[in-house]
Amino acid sequence: MLAHSSSPARHCSEQRAAVGHRLREWRLRRELSQVEVARVAGITQASLSNYETGKRDMSLLTFLGVVNALDVSAGDLLDIPDVIVVRDSRLGRAVARLIEQPSLTDSLMRQDLADAAS
């Protein structure tokens, strides 16, 4: 039988602490108090403190509220750099245009194929 170096419960606890640490880092980068973030997120300052220290799990609804309050992506708090959150940005508008007008993608692909052939 294989021995596991850490239990699932321990792994969850470590993840919760890591997310809490990143939450605190982002809050401090934004120069926001716990009270300010908690108010926007719709939670108490005591709850936010418990999330930052890894003492409590966050519900999805709370997590999304905190993400919104800090104006960061979910990937920022989860430390998943490959997550791309398209907001009201130039990239977001470009993606929306491509979705609305698939012919734009077709012409780009034809150009790429022509470039590759030459």
N, C-alpha and C. Protein backbone atom coordinates (compact mmCIF):
# COMPACT_ATOMS: atom_id res chain seq x y z
N MET A 1 0.84 -1.18 0.00
CA MET A 1 0.00 0.00 0.00
C MET A 1 0.88 1.24 0.00
N LEU A 2 0.53 2.21 -0.83
CA LEU A 2 1.31 3.43 -0.92
C LEU A 2 1.03 4.35 0.25
N ALA A 3 2.07 4.94 0.77
CA ALA A 3 1.90 5.91 1.86
C ALA A 3 1.75 7.30 1.25
N HIS A 4 0.79 8.04 1.73
CA HIS A 4 0.58 9.40 1.26
C HIS A 4 1.23 10.36 2.23
N SER A 5 1.94 11.34 1.68
CA SER A 5 2.64 12.29 2.54
C SER A 5 1.70 13.27 3.23
N SER A 6 0.53 13.48 2.66
CA SER A 6 -0.42 14.37 3.31
C SER A 6 -1.83 13.88 3.04
N SER A 7 -2.67 14.10 4.01
CA SER A 7 -4.06 13.68 3.89
C SER A 7 -4.84 14.71 3.09
N PRO A 8 -6.00 14.30 2.55
CA PRO A 8 -6.84 15.28 1.84
C PRO A 8 -7.23 16.47 2.72
N ALA A 9 -7.49 16.20 3.99
CA ALA A 9 -7.87 17.29 4.90
C ALA A 9 -6.72 18.29 5.05
N ARG A 10 -5.51 17.76 5.14
CA ARG A 10 -4.35 18.64 5.28
C ARG A 10 -4.14 19.46 4.00
N HIS A 11 -4.31 18.81 2.86
CA HIS A 11 -4.18 19.50 1.58
C HIS A 11 -5.19 20.65 1.49
N CYS A 12 -6.43 20.40 1.88
CA CYS A 12 -7.47 21.45 1.85
C CYS A 12 -7.10 22.59 2.78
N SER A 13 -6.58 22.26 3.94
CA SER A 13 -6.17 23.27 4.90
C SER A 13 -5.04 24.13 4.33
N GLU A 14 -4.08 23.49 3.66
CA GLU A 14 -2.97 24.23 3.06
C GLU A 14 -3.47 25.13 1.93
N GLN A 15 -4.39 24.63 1.11
CA GLN A 15 -4.96 25.43 0.03
C GLN A 15 -5.72 26.63 0.58
N ARG A 16 -6.51 26.40 1.63
CA ARG A 16 -7.29 27.48 2.25
C ARG A 16 -6.34 28.56 2.78
N ALA A 17 -5.24 28.15 3.41
CA ALA A 17 -4.27 29.11 3.94
C ALA A 17 -3.59 29.88 2.81
N ALA A 18 -3.28 29.20 1.70
CA ALA A 18 -2.62 29.85 0.57
C ALA A 18 -3.54 30.88 -0.08
N VAL A 19 -4.80 30.52 -0.25
CA VAL A 19 -5.77 31.47 -0.83
C VAL A 19 -5.93 32.66 0.12
N GLY A 20 -6.01 32.39 1.41
CA GLY A 20 -6.12 33.48 2.39
C GLY A 20 -4.93 34.42 2.34
N HIS A 21 -3.74 33.85 2.18
CA HIS A 21 -2.53 34.66 2.10
C HIS A 21 -2.57 35.56 0.85
N ARG A 22 -2.97 34.98 -0.28
CA ARG A 22 -3.06 35.78 -1.51
C ARG A 22 -4.15 36.84 -1.40
N LEU A 23 -5.25 36.50 -0.74
CA LEU A 23 -6.33 37.47 -0.52
C LEU A 23 -5.77 38.69 0.24
N ARG A 24 -5.05 38.42 1.32
CA ARG A 24 -4.46 39.50 2.12
C ARG A 24 -3.47 40.32 1.29
N GLU A 25 -2.62 39.62 0.51
CA GLU A 25 -1.65 40.32 -0.33
C GLU A 25 -2.34 41.28 -1.31
N TRP A 26 -3.39 40.81 -1.97
CA TRP A 26 -4.11 41.66 -2.92
C TRP A 26 -4.80 42.82 -2.20
N ARG A 27 -5.35 42.56 -1.04
CA ARG A 27 -6.02 43.64 -0.30
C ARG A 27 -5.01 44.73 0.06
N LEU A 28 -3.83 44.32 0.51
CA LEU A 28 -2.81 45.29 0.88
C LEU A 28 -2.27 46.02 -0.35
N ARG A 29 -2.11 45.32 -1.48
CA ARG A 29 -1.69 45.98 -2.73
C ARG A 29 -2.68 47.05 -3.15
N ARG A 30 -3.95 46.77 -2.91
CA ARG A 30 -5.00 47.72 -3.29
C ARG A 30 -5.17 48.82 -2.23
N GLU A 31 -4.41 48.70 -1.15
CA GLU A 31 -4.47 49.65 -0.03
C GLU A 31 -5.88 49.77 0.53
N LEU A 32 -6.50 48.61 0.72
CA LEU A 32 -7.85 48.55 1.28
C LEU A 32 -7.81 47.93 2.66
N SER A 33 -8.71 48.39 3.52
CA SER A 33 -8.83 47.79 4.84
C SER A 33 -9.73 46.56 4.76
N GLN A 34 -9.66 45.73 5.78
CA GLN A 34 -10.56 44.59 5.85
C GLN A 34 -12.01 45.06 5.86
N VAL A 35 -12.28 46.14 6.55
CA VAL A 35 -13.64 46.67 6.64
C VAL A 35 -14.15 47.07 5.25
N GLU A 36 -13.31 47.73 4.46
CA GLU A 36 -13.72 48.16 3.12
C GLU A 36 -14.02 46.97 2.21
N VAL A 37 -13.14 45.99 2.21
CA VAL A 37 -13.33 44.82 1.36
C VAL A 37 -14.56 44.04 1.82
N ALA A 38 -14.69 43.87 3.12
CA ALA A 38 -15.83 43.12 3.67
C ALA A 38 -17.15 43.79 3.31
N ARG A 39 -17.20 45.09 3.40
CA ARG A 39 -18.44 45.81 3.09
C ARG A 39 -18.85 45.58 1.64
N VAL A 40 -17.91 45.71 0.71
CA VAL A 40 -18.22 45.52 -0.71
C VAL A 40 -18.58 44.05 -0.99
N ALA A 41 -17.90 43.13 -0.31
CA ALA A 41 -18.14 41.70 -0.53
C ALA A 41 -19.41 41.21 0.16
N GLY A 42 -19.96 42.02 1.05
CA GLY A 42 -21.19 41.63 1.75
C GLY A 42 -20.98 40.65 2.89
N ILE A 43 -19.81 40.77 3.54
CA ILE A 43 -19.49 39.90 4.68
C ILE A 43 -19.00 40.78 5.82
N THR A 44 -18.76 40.18 6.97
CA THR A 44 -18.24 40.95 8.10
C THR A 44 -16.72 41.01 8.05
N GLN A 45 -16.17 41.98 8.74
CA GLN A 45 -14.72 42.10 8.82
C GLN A 45 -14.13 40.88 9.50
N ALA A 46 -14.81 40.35 10.51
CA ALA A 46 -14.33 39.16 11.22
C ALA A 46 -14.25 37.96 10.28
N SER A 47 -15.25 37.82 9.41
CA SER A 47 -15.23 36.72 8.44
C SER A 47 -14.04 36.87 7.50
N LEU A 48 -13.83 38.08 6.99
CA LEU A 48 -12.71 38.31 6.08
C LEU A 48 -11.39 37.98 6.77
N SER A 49 -11.26 38.36 8.01
CA SER A 49 -10.05 38.05 8.78
C SER A 49 -9.85 36.53 8.85
N ASN A 50 -10.93 35.80 9.10
CA ASN A 50 -10.84 34.33 9.17
C ASN A 50 -10.46 33.73 7.82
N TYR A 51 -10.93 34.32 6.72
CA TYR A 51 -10.56 33.83 5.39
C TYR A 51 -9.09 34.11 5.12
N GLU A 52 -8.63 35.29 5.49
CA GLU A 52 -7.23 35.66 5.26
C GLU A 52 -6.27 34.78 6.05
N THR A 53 -6.67 34.36 7.21
CA THR A 53 -5.79 33.52 8.04
C THR A 53 -6.00 32.03 7.77
N GLY A 54 -6.91 31.70 6.89
CA GLY A 54 -7.14 30.30 6.54
C GLY A 54 -7.92 29.52 7.56
N LYS A 55 -8.60 30.22 8.46
CA LYS A 55 -9.37 29.54 9.51
C LYS A 55 -10.72 29.04 9.05
N ARG A 56 -11.24 29.65 7.96
CA ARG A 56 -12.57 29.27 7.48
C ARG A 56 -12.56 29.08 5.98
N ASP A 57 -13.44 28.21 5.49
CA ASP A 57 -13.65 28.04 4.06
C ASP A 57 -14.59 29.12 3.57
N MET A 58 -14.38 29.55 2.31
CA MET A 58 -15.27 30.53 1.69
C MET A 58 -16.25 29.82 0.79
N SER A 59 -17.49 30.25 0.85
CA SER A 59 -18.46 29.74 -0.12
C SER A 59 -18.15 30.38 -1.47
N LEU A 60 -18.68 29.80 -2.53
CA LEU A 60 -18.46 30.36 -3.86
C LEU A 60 -18.99 31.78 -3.95
N LEU A 61 -20.17 32.02 -3.38
CA LEU A 61 -20.76 33.35 -3.42
C LEU A 61 -19.86 34.37 -2.71
N THR A 62 -19.32 33.99 -1.56
CA THR A 62 -18.42 34.88 -0.83
C THR A 62 -17.14 35.10 -1.63
N PHE A 63 -16.59 34.03 -2.19
CA PHE A 63 -15.38 34.13 -2.99
C PHE A 63 -15.57 35.13 -4.13
N LEU A 64 -16.69 35.03 -4.82
CA LEU A 64 -16.96 35.95 -5.94
C LEU A 64 -17.12 37.38 -5.44
N GLY A 65 -17.71 37.55 -4.28
CA GLY A 65 -17.84 38.89 -3.70
C GLY A 65 -16.49 39.49 -3.36
N VAL A 66 -15.60 38.68 -2.83
CA VAL A 66 -14.26 39.15 -2.48
C VAL A 66 -13.47 39.48 -3.75
N VAL A 67 -13.57 38.62 -4.76
CA VAL A 67 -12.91 38.88 -6.05
C VAL A 67 -13.37 40.23 -6.60
N ASN A 68 -14.67 40.47 -6.55
CA ASN A 68 -15.23 41.74 -7.02
C ASN A 68 -14.72 42.91 -6.18
N ALA A 69 -14.72 42.75 -4.88
CA ALA A 69 -14.29 43.83 -3.99
C ALA A 69 -12.82 44.20 -4.21
N LEU A 70 -12.00 43.21 -4.52
CA LEU A 70 -10.57 43.47 -4.74
C LEU A 70 -10.26 43.84 -6.19
N ASP A 71 -11.23 43.66 -7.07
CA ASP A 71 -11.05 43.91 -8.50
C ASP A 71 -9.88 43.09 -9.04
N VAL A 72 -9.92 41.78 -8.74
CA VAL A 72 -8.94 40.82 -9.25
C VAL A 72 -9.70 39.69 -9.92
N SER A 73 -8.97 38.83 -10.59
CA SER A 73 -9.60 37.66 -11.20
C SER A 73 -9.62 36.51 -10.19
N ALA A 74 -10.48 35.57 -10.42
CA ALA A 74 -10.49 34.36 -9.59
C ALA A 74 -9.14 33.68 -9.66
N GLY A 75 -8.54 33.68 -10.84
CA GLY A 75 -7.22 33.08 -11.01
C GLY A 75 -6.15 33.73 -10.15
N ASP A 76 -6.28 35.05 -9.91
CA ASP A 76 -5.32 35.74 -9.05
C ASP A 76 -5.35 35.18 -7.63
N LEU A 77 -6.54 34.96 -7.11
CA LEU A 77 -6.64 34.44 -5.74
C LEU A 77 -6.33 32.95 -5.66
N LEU A 78 -6.65 32.23 -6.72
CA LEU A 78 -6.40 30.79 -6.72
C LEU A 78 -4.99 30.46 -7.20
N ASP A 79 -4.26 31.47 -7.67
CA ASP A 79 -2.91 31.30 -8.21
C ASP A 79 -2.92 30.34 -9.38
N ILE A 80 -3.84 30.59 -10.30
CA ILE A 80 -3.94 29.82 -11.53
C ILE A 80 -3.69 30.82 -12.66
N PRO A 81 -2.43 30.97 -13.08
CA PRO A 81 -2.10 32.00 -14.05
C PRO A 81 -2.70 31.78 -15.43
N ASP A 82 -3.11 30.55 -15.74
CA ASP A 82 -3.65 30.28 -17.07
C ASP A 82 -5.12 30.66 -17.21
N VAL A 83 -5.73 31.12 -16.12
CA VAL A 83 -7.12 31.53 -16.18
C VAL A 83 -7.17 32.94 -16.77
N ILE A 84 -7.93 33.09 -17.82
CA ILE A 84 -8.09 34.40 -18.43
C ILE A 84 -9.51 34.86 -18.17
N VAL A 85 -9.64 35.96 -17.49
CA VAL A 85 -10.95 36.53 -17.24
C VAL A 85 -11.09 37.74 -18.14
N VAL A 86 -12.03 37.66 -19.05
CA VAL A 86 -12.23 38.73 -20.00
C VAL A 86 -13.29 39.67 -19.44
N ARG A 87 -12.87 40.85 -19.09
CA ARG A 87 -13.78 41.85 -18.56
C ARG A 87 -14.05 42.89 -19.63
N ASP A 88 -14.52 44.02 -19.23
CA ASP A 88 -14.76 45.11 -20.17
C ASP A 88 -13.41 45.72 -20.54
N SER A 89 -12.70 45.03 -21.39
CA SER A 89 -11.37 45.47 -21.80
C SER A 89 -11.26 45.39 -23.31
N ARG A 90 -10.14 45.84 -23.83
CA ARG A 90 -9.93 45.73 -25.28
C ARG A 90 -9.99 44.28 -25.71
N LEU A 91 -9.37 43.40 -24.92
CA LEU A 91 -9.41 41.98 -25.25
C LEU A 91 -10.85 41.46 -25.22
N GLY A 92 -11.60 41.87 -24.22
CA GLY A 92 -12.99 41.44 -24.11
C GLY A 92 -13.82 41.89 -25.29
N ARG A 93 -13.62 43.13 -25.71
CA ARG A 93 -14.36 43.64 -26.87
C ARG A 93 -13.95 42.92 -28.15
N ALA A 94 -12.65 42.60 -28.28
CA ALA A 94 -12.18 41.87 -29.46
C ALA A 94 -12.78 40.47 -29.51
N VAL A 95 -12.82 39.80 -28.37
CA VAL A 95 -13.41 38.47 -28.31
C VAL A 95 -14.90 38.54 -28.66
N ALA A 96 -15.58 39.54 -28.13
CA ALA A 96 -17.01 39.69 -28.43
C ALA A 96 -17.24 39.90 -29.92
N ARG A 97 -16.39 40.70 -30.57
CA ARG A 97 -16.52 40.90 -32.02
C ARG A 97 -16.30 39.61 -32.79
N LEU A 98 -15.32 38.82 -32.37
CA LEU A 98 -15.06 37.55 -33.04
C LEU A 98 -16.23 36.59 -32.89
N ILE A 99 -16.86 36.61 -31.73
CA ILE A 99 -18.02 35.75 -31.51
C ILE A 99 -19.19 36.21 -32.36
N GLU A 100 -19.38 37.52 -32.42
CA GLU A 100 -20.51 38.09 -33.18
C GLU A 100 -20.30 37.98 -34.69
N GLN A 101 -19.04 38.01 -35.13
CA GLN A 101 -18.74 37.99 -36.56
C GLN A 101 -17.71 36.91 -36.87
N PRO A 102 -18.14 35.65 -36.96
CA PRO A 102 -17.20 34.56 -37.21
C PRO A 102 -16.42 34.72 -38.51
N SER A 103 -16.93 35.51 -39.43
CA SER A 103 -16.21 35.72 -40.70
C SER A 103 -14.85 36.37 -40.46
N LEU A 104 -14.71 37.15 -39.38
CA LEU A 104 -13.41 37.75 -39.07
C LEU A 104 -12.37 36.67 -38.78
N THR A 105 -12.77 35.65 -38.08
CA THR A 105 -11.87 34.54 -37.76
C THR A 105 -11.49 33.79 -39.03
N ASP A 106 -12.47 33.58 -39.90
CA ASP A 106 -12.20 32.87 -41.15
C ASP A 106 -11.15 33.59 -41.98
N SER A 107 -11.25 34.91 -42.10
CA SER A 107 -10.28 35.65 -42.91
C SER A 107 -8.90 35.62 -42.26
N LEU A 108 -8.83 35.65 -40.94
CA LEU A 108 -7.54 35.55 -40.25
C LEU A 108 -6.90 34.19 -40.49
N MET A 109 -7.71 33.14 -40.44
CA MET A 109 -7.19 31.79 -40.67
C MET A 109 -6.68 31.65 -42.09
N ARG A 110 -7.40 32.20 -43.07
CA ARG A 110 -6.95 32.13 -44.46
C ARG A 110 -5.61 32.84 -44.61
N GLN A 111 -5.47 34.00 -43.95
CA GLN A 111 -4.22 34.75 -44.02
C GLN A 111 -3.08 33.94 -43.39
N ASP A 112 -3.33 33.33 -42.23
CA ASP A 112 -2.31 32.50 -41.57
C ASP A 112 -1.87 31.34 -42.47
N LEU A 113 -2.83 30.70 -43.13
CA LEU A 113 -2.52 29.59 -44.04
C LEU A 113 -1.69 30.07 -45.22
N ALA A 114 -2.05 31.23 -45.74
CA ALA A 114 -1.28 31.80 -46.86
C ALA A 114 0.14 32.14 -46.44
N ASP A 115 0.28 32.70 -45.25
CA ASP A 115 1.62 33.04 -44.73
C ASP A 115 2.46 31.79 -44.52
N ALA A 116 1.82 30.73 -44.01
CA ALA A 116 2.54 29.48 -43.73
C ALA A 116 2.98 28.81 -45.04
N ALA A 117 2.19 28.97 -46.11
CA ALA A 117 2.51 28.33 -47.38
C ALA A 117 3.65 29.05 -48.11
N SER A 118 3.87 30.32 -47.77
CA SER A 118 4.92 31.07 -48.49
C SER A 118 6.25 31.04 -47.80
